[in-house]
N, C-alpha and C. Protein backbone atom coordinates (compact mmCIF):
# COMPACT_ATOMS: atom_id res chain seq x y z
N UNK A 1 88.05 99.93 96.53
CA UNK A 1 88.04 99.81 97.73
C UNK A 1 88.23 100.71 98.61
N UNK A 2 87.70 101.26 99.85
CA UNK A 2 88.02 102.97 100.98
C UNK A 2 88.06 101.93 102.25
N UNK A 3 89.32 102.72 102.72
CA UNK A 3 89.31 102.86 103.81
C UNK A 3 88.73 103.74 104.61
N UNK A 4 88.04 102.94 105.71
CA UNK A 4 87.38 104.10 106.31
C UNK A 4 88.37 104.88 106.97
N UNK A 5 89.55 104.46 107.74
CA UNK A 5 90.04 105.41 108.17
C UNK A 5 91.25 106.08 107.52
N UNK A 6 91.71 106.07 106.29
CA UNK A 6 91.71 106.85 105.42
C UNK A 6 91.60 108.64 105.22
N UNK A 7 90.31 109.42 105.86
CA UNK A 7 90.44 110.82 106.60
C UNK A 7 91.12 110.55 107.46
N UNK A 8 91.33 110.42 108.20
CA UNK A 8 92.44 110.32 109.58
C UNK A 8 93.96 110.65 108.80
N UNK A 9 94.18 109.32 108.06
CA UNK A 9 95.51 109.25 107.72
C UNK A 9 96.03 110.18 106.99
N UNK A 10 95.31 111.11 106.28
CA UNK A 10 95.57 112.32 105.58
C UNK A 10 95.43 113.21 106.13
N UNK A 11 94.99 113.45 107.50
CA UNK A 11 95.12 113.75 108.08
C UNK A 11 96.64 114.70 108.38
N UNK A 12 96.99 113.13 109.25
CA UNK A 12 98.00 113.39 110.12
C UNK A 12 99.12 113.83 109.21
N UNK A 13 99.16 112.73 108.40
CA UNK A 13 100.35 112.46 107.64
C UNK A 13 101.17 113.89 107.43
N UNK A 14 100.33 114.84 106.64
CA UNK A 14 101.03 116.58 106.61
C UNK A 14 101.41 117.03 107.41
N UNK A 15 101.29 116.63 108.87
CA UNK A 15 101.87 117.45 110.34
C UNK A 15 103.13 116.23 110.71
N UNK A 16 103.86 115.49 109.37
CA UNK A 16 104.41 114.70 110.23
C UNK A 16 105.63 115.22 108.83
N UNK A 17 105.14 115.14 107.10
CA UNK A 17 105.70 115.06 105.75
C UNK A 17 106.35 116.50 105.83
N UNK A 18 105.51 118.03 107.12
CA UNK A 18 106.11 118.50 107.23
C UNK A 18 107.81 119.14 107.48
N UNK A 19 107.42 117.78 108.26
CA UNK A 19 109.49 118.32 108.31
C UNK A 19 109.77 116.56 107.78
N UNK A 20 109.24 116.66 106.82
CA UNK A 20 110.97 115.47 106.23
C UNK A 20 111.98 116.46 105.34
N UNK A 21 112.52 117.54 105.60
CA UNK A 21 113.47 118.27 104.73
C UNK A 21 114.14 117.78 105.77
N UNK A 22 114.07 117.82 107.01
CA UNK A 22 114.52 118.36 108.18
C UNK A 22 114.69 116.51 108.06
N UNK A 23 114.66 115.66 108.30
CA UNK A 23 114.64 114.57 108.59
C UNK A 23 114.32 113.68 106.93
N UNK A 24 114.75 112.30 107.27
CA UNK A 24 114.44 111.50 106.30
C UNK A 24 113.33 110.21 106.81
N UNK A 25 112.51 110.31 105.52
CA UNK A 25 111.27 109.59 105.30
C UNK A 25 111.92 108.18 105.23
N UNK A 26 111.35 107.25 106.04
CA UNK A 26 111.51 105.75 106.19
C UNK A 26 110.13 104.98 105.01
N UNK A 27 109.61 105.27 105.49
CA UNK A 27 107.84 104.22 104.85
C UNK A 27 106.98 105.92 103.94
N UNK A 28 106.11 105.87 102.55
CA UNK A 28 105.48 106.60 103.00
C UNK A 28 104.78 105.74 101.23
N UNK A 29 104.10 104.80 101.78
CA UNK A 29 103.53 104.75 100.85
C UNK A 29 101.57 104.60 101.60
N UNK A 30 100.86 104.16 100.61
CA UNK A 30 99.62 104.43 101.24
C UNK A 30 99.59 103.35 102.73
N UNK A 31 98.49 104.78 102.93
CA UNK A 31 98.75 103.87 104.45
C UNK A 31 99.52 103.70 106.04
N UNK A 32 100.70 104.52 105.01
CA UNK A 32 102.24 104.28 106.21
C UNK A 32 102.68 105.37 106.19
N UNK A 33 103.07 105.96 106.67
CA UNK A 33 104.52 107.07 106.41
C UNK A 33 105.36 107.07 107.69
N UNK A 34 106.49 106.66 107.61
CA UNK A 34 106.97 107.05 108.71
C UNK A 34 108.20 108.13 108.34
N UNK A 35 108.69 108.83 109.56
CA UNK A 35 109.83 109.62 109.16
C UNK A 35 111.57 109.41 110.20
N UNK A 36 111.70 109.20 109.54
CA UNK A 36 113.61 108.81 110.79
C UNK A 36 114.34 110.29 110.63
N UNK A 37 115.69 109.76 112.33
CA UNK A 37 116.35 111.14 111.97
C UNK A 37 117.73 110.54 110.84
N UNK A 38 118.83 111.81 111.30
CA UNK A 38 119.74 111.67 110.36
C UNK A 38 120.77 110.51 111.04
N UNK A 39 120.07 110.41 112.23
CA UNK A 39 121.14 109.27 113.18
C UNK A 39 120.91 108.09 112.78
N UNK A 40 122.08 107.33 112.76
CA UNK A 40 122.23 105.64 112.69
C UNK A 40 122.33 104.82 114.08
N UNK A 41 122.04 104.22 114.49
CA UNK A 41 122.81 103.10 115.46
C UNK A 41 123.75 102.45 114.82
N UNK A 42 124.86 102.72 116.23
CA UNK A 42 126.02 101.43 115.92
C UNK A 42 125.63 99.94 116.06
N UNK A 43 124.66 100.44 117.07
CA UNK A 43 124.80 98.66 117.21
C UNK A 43 123.91 97.81 116.91
N UNK A 44 122.95 98.24 115.95
CA UNK A 44 122.41 97.32 115.16
C UNK A 44 121.56 97.84 113.51
N UNK A 45 122.45 99.06 113.34
CA UNK A 45 122.92 99.96 111.68
C UNK A 45 120.96 100.49 111.18
N UNK A 46 120.39 100.66 112.80
CA UNK A 46 119.13 100.73 112.47
C UNK A 46 118.59 102.39 112.40
N UNK A 47 118.13 103.18 111.71
CA UNK A 47 117.58 104.69 111.82
C UNK A 47 117.03 104.74 113.04
N UNK A 48 117.36 105.84 113.47
CA UNK A 48 116.70 106.73 114.77
C UNK A 48 115.27 106.72 113.98
N UNK A 49 113.99 106.61 115.46
CA UNK A 49 112.99 107.09 114.34
C UNK A 49 112.49 108.39 115.21
N UNK A 50 112.35 108.68 114.57
CA UNK A 50 111.21 110.11 115.21
C UNK A 50 109.11 110.24 115.29
N UNK A 51 108.98 109.63 114.40
CA UNK A 51 107.31 108.53 114.62
C UNK A 51 106.46 108.69 112.62
N UNK A 52 105.78 109.01 113.19
CA UNK A 52 104.80 108.41 111.95
C UNK A 52 103.16 107.81 112.20
N UNK A 53 102.72 107.53 111.33
CA UNK A 53 101.82 107.42 110.86
C UNK A 53 101.30 106.63 109.77
N UNK A 54 99.58 105.26 110.29
CA UNK A 54 99.89 104.45 110.25
C UNK A 54 98.39 103.58 109.94
N UNK A 55 97.92 103.30 109.42
CA UNK A 55 96.43 103.42 109.31
C UNK A 55 96.81 100.86 109.48
N UNK A 56 96.00 101.51 110.75
CA UNK A 56 95.94 99.49 111.39
C UNK A 56 94.24 98.49 111.10
N UNK A 57 94.31 98.00 111.96
CA UNK A 57 92.49 96.92 111.26
C UNK A 57 91.74 97.48 111.99
N UNK A 58 92.10 98.20 113.07
CA UNK A 58 90.95 98.80 113.66
C UNK A 58 91.28 100.26 114.31
N UNK A 59 92.15 101.35 113.53
CA UNK A 59 92.47 102.55 114.42
C UNK A 59 93.94 103.04 113.61
N UNK A 60 93.60 104.08 113.53
CA UNK A 60 95.26 104.78 113.12
C UNK A 60 96.23 105.61 114.13
N UNK A 61 97.51 104.74 113.71
CA UNK A 61 98.26 104.84 114.96
C UNK A 61 99.26 105.77 115.12
N UNK A 62 99.92 106.32 115.41
CA UNK A 62 99.85 107.54 115.83
C UNK A 62 101.96 107.07 116.50
N UNK A 63 102.52 107.26 115.89
CA UNK A 63 103.92 107.14 116.99
C UNK A 63 104.61 108.44 116.98
N UNK A 64 105.18 108.91 117.82
CA UNK A 64 106.03 109.76 118.50
C UNK A 64 107.02 109.56 119.09
N UNK A 65 108.64 109.29 118.55
CA UNK A 65 109.18 109.13 120.02
C UNK A 65 110.09 109.77 120.64
N UNK A 66 109.89 111.15 121.00
CA UNK A 66 110.92 111.86 121.67
C UNK A 66 110.10 112.41 122.67
N UNK A 67 108.50 111.55 122.63
CA UNK A 67 107.88 112.31 123.83
C UNK A 67 108.12 110.65 124.76
N UNK A 68 108.08 110.02 123.70
CA UNK A 68 109.59 108.32 125.02
C UNK A 68 110.47 108.83 125.59
N UNK A 69 111.56 109.97 124.40
CA UNK A 69 113.25 110.30 124.87
C UNK A 69 112.55 111.31 125.78
N UNK A 70 111.61 111.72 125.88
CA UNK A 70 111.30 113.37 126.84
C UNK A 70 110.04 113.26 127.08
N UNK A 71 109.57 112.55 128.54
CA UNK A 71 108.32 112.10 128.81
C UNK A 71 107.61 114.10 128.93
N UNK A 72 108.64 115.08 129.50
CA UNK A 72 107.92 116.46 130.10
C UNK A 72 108.15 117.08 128.69
N UNK A 73 107.45 116.34 127.68
CA UNK A 73 107.08 116.55 126.36
C UNK A 73 105.53 116.47 126.58
N UNK A 74 104.63 116.16 127.14
CA UNK A 74 103.32 115.55 127.38
C UNK A 74 102.87 116.70 127.98
N UNK A 75 103.65 117.60 129.17
CA UNK A 75 103.12 118.22 129.90
C UNK A 75 101.90 119.30 129.48
N UNK A 76 101.07 119.79 129.58
CA UNK A 76 99.75 119.76 129.25
C UNK A 76 98.79 119.98 128.23
N UNK A 77 99.41 119.58 127.78
CA UNK A 77 98.12 117.78 127.28
C UNK A 77 96.50 117.57 127.58
N UNK A 78 95.97 117.83 126.45
CA UNK A 78 94.34 118.00 127.62
C UNK A 78 94.44 115.86 127.77
N UNK A 79 93.69 116.26 128.51
CA UNK A 79 93.18 115.01 128.41
C UNK A 79 92.83 114.43 127.51
N UNK A 80 91.70 114.68 126.63
CA UNK A 80 90.69 114.01 125.91
C UNK A 80 92.82 113.92 125.33
N UNK A 81 93.26 113.91 125.04
CA UNK A 81 94.92 113.29 124.16
C UNK A 81 95.40 112.39 124.43
N UNK A 82 95.62 112.53 126.53
CA UNK A 82 96.01 111.52 127.05
C UNK A 82 95.09 110.40 127.14
N UNK A 83 94.56 110.55 126.12
CA UNK A 83 93.27 109.68 126.54
C UNK A 83 93.45 108.46 125.33
N UNK A 84 93.65 109.19 124.29
CA UNK A 84 94.17 108.45 123.17
C UNK A 84 96.09 108.06 123.42
N UNK A 85 96.41 108.25 124.24
CA UNK A 85 98.11 107.78 124.33
C UNK A 85 97.38 105.63 124.94
N UNK A 86 98.46 105.43 123.82
CA UNK A 86 98.61 103.84 123.96
C UNK A 86 99.65 103.49 124.31
N UNK A 87 100.37 102.76 125.59
CA UNK A 87 101.98 103.17 125.76
C UNK A 87 102.57 104.74 125.97
N UNK A 88 103.38 104.44 125.31
CA UNK A 88 104.47 106.06 125.91
C UNK A 88 105.02 106.82 124.95
N UNK A 89 104.65 106.20 123.95
CA UNK A 89 104.53 106.92 122.84
C UNK A 89 103.53 106.90 121.64
N UNK A 90 102.67 105.88 122.25
CA UNK A 90 101.66 105.30 120.65
C UNK A 90 100.09 106.73 120.93
N UNK A 91 99.76 107.31 120.22
CA UNK A 91 98.24 107.35 119.89
C UNK A 91 97.60 106.92 118.91
N UNK A 92 96.22 107.03 119.14
CA UNK A 92 95.24 105.90 118.62
C UNK A 92 93.70 106.97 117.96
N UNK A 93 93.42 106.39 116.81
CA UNK A 93 92.51 107.83 116.48
C UNK A 93 91.44 106.38 115.36
N UNK A 94 90.79 106.47 115.52
CA UNK A 94 89.53 105.90 114.89
C UNK A 94 88.67 107.33 113.79
N UNK A 95 88.69 107.60 114.27
CA UNK A 95 87.76 109.09 113.42
C UNK A 95 88.77 110.40 113.63
N UNK A 96 88.18 111.21 112.72
CA UNK A 96 88.47 113.22 112.27
C UNK A 96 88.17 113.48 113.28
N UNK A 97 88.91 114.20 114.66
CA UNK A 97 89.03 115.07 115.86
C UNK A 97 89.71 115.37 115.38
N UNK A 98 89.06 117.00 115.06
CA UNK A 98 90.36 117.81 114.67
C UNK A 98 90.47 118.87 115.66
N UNK A 99 89.89 119.02 116.80
CA UNK A 99 90.84 119.95 117.77
C UNK A 99 91.87 119.02 118.37
N UNK A 100 91.94 117.81 118.42
CA UNK A 100 93.48 116.47 119.03
C UNK A 100 94.21 116.64 118.23
N UNK A 101 93.57 117.10 116.08
CA UNK A 101 94.25 116.05 115.46
C UNK A 101 95.47 117.79 115.62
N UNK A 102 94.79 119.17 115.65
CA UNK A 102 95.77 120.25 116.19
C UNK A 102 96.38 120.03 117.20
N UNK A 103 96.32 119.72 118.07
CA UNK A 103 96.81 119.15 118.97
C UNK A 103 98.06 118.38 118.85
N UNK A 104 97.71 117.52 118.19
CA UNK A 104 98.52 116.63 117.79
C UNK A 104 99.81 117.26 117.05
N UNK A 105 99.40 117.87 116.12
CA UNK A 105 100.54 118.84 115.00
C UNK A 105 100.98 119.59 115.60
N UNK A 106 100.75 120.20 116.93
CA UNK A 106 102.04 121.03 118.01
C UNK A 106 102.61 120.29 118.63
N UNK A 107 101.94 119.25 119.17
CA UNK A 107 103.11 118.11 120.01
C UNK A 107 104.00 116.65 118.56
N UNK A 108 104.00 117.38 117.87
CA UNK A 108 105.15 116.77 116.68
C UNK A 108 106.11 117.73 116.28
N UNK A 109 105.38 118.56 115.99
CA UNK A 109 106.11 120.17 115.89
C UNK A 109 107.41 120.41 117.26
N UNK A 110 106.10 120.64 118.47
CA UNK A 110 107.62 120.39 119.54
C UNK A 110 108.05 119.42 119.35
N UNK A 111 108.32 117.72 119.29
CA UNK A 111 109.13 117.17 119.05
C UNK A 111 110.14 116.76 118.15
N UNK A 112 109.94 117.19 117.05
CA UNK A 112 110.58 117.78 116.79
C UNK A 112 111.78 119.09 117.11
N UNK A 113 111.14 119.55 116.92
CA UNK A 113 112.69 120.31 117.79
C UNK A 113 113.52 120.12 118.81
N UNK A 114 112.70 119.40 119.42
CA UNK A 114 113.33 118.69 120.95
C UNK A 114 114.19 118.29 120.09
N UNK A 115 114.24 116.94 119.27
CA UNK A 115 115.23 116.51 117.90
C UNK A 115 116.22 117.44 117.67
N UNK A 116 115.67 119.08 117.33
CA UNK A 116 116.60 119.62 116.38
C UNK A 116 117.74 120.69 117.72
N UNK A 117 116.74 120.39 119.08
CA UNK A 117 118.01 120.61 119.49
C UNK A 117 119.09 119.13 120.17
N UNK A 118 118.65 118.13 120.73
CA UNK A 118 119.59 117.30 120.21
C UNK A 118 120.27 116.71 119.38
N UNK A 119 120.31 117.50 117.97
CA UNK A 119 121.29 117.42 116.46
C UNK A 119 120.67 116.37 116.27
N UNK A 120 118.99 115.72 116.08
CA UNK A 120 119.42 115.13 115.59
C UNK A 120 118.53 114.91 114.46
N UNK A 121 118.23 115.93 113.88
CA UNK A 121 117.51 116.60 113.40
C UNK A 121 117.99 117.91 112.25
N UNK A 122 117.33 117.68 111.21
CA UNK A 122 118.22 119.11 110.70
C UNK A 122 117.55 120.84 111.67
N UNK A 123 118.64 121.89 111.85
CA UNK A 123 117.60 123.19 112.61
C UNK A 123 117.03 123.59 111.44
N UNK A 124 115.48 123.66 111.21
CA UNK A 124 114.55 124.88 110.71
C UNK A 124 115.68 125.17 109.58
N UNK A 125 115.29 126.55 107.99
CA UNK A 125 116.50 127.53 107.28
C UNK A 125 115.96 128.83 108.38
């Protein structure tokens, strides 16, 4: 069985996976990839999440927590990518859109740098 959203997932997953050595992979299974930080919250014992990508029923969901923590990271985002936002840190994609996915990749990189500066991710070697 072929999932029509698999090409979108397979294009976005590497945008997170390239930072895996700096963080902690929480899920890496077909259709679901989540990357966490090294910080474990004392209150509930869960690892702080950087974000990830997951195939949902009718779209591919991309979460990026740094933009929730610092909304100024969204400054300069194109209207087309802003249109993909669902809530404060989620983006939805139904098809491959190379320009938007490239912009998303740059936003993921910026988010990782913000988490590195905050000590939540290992600094690049």
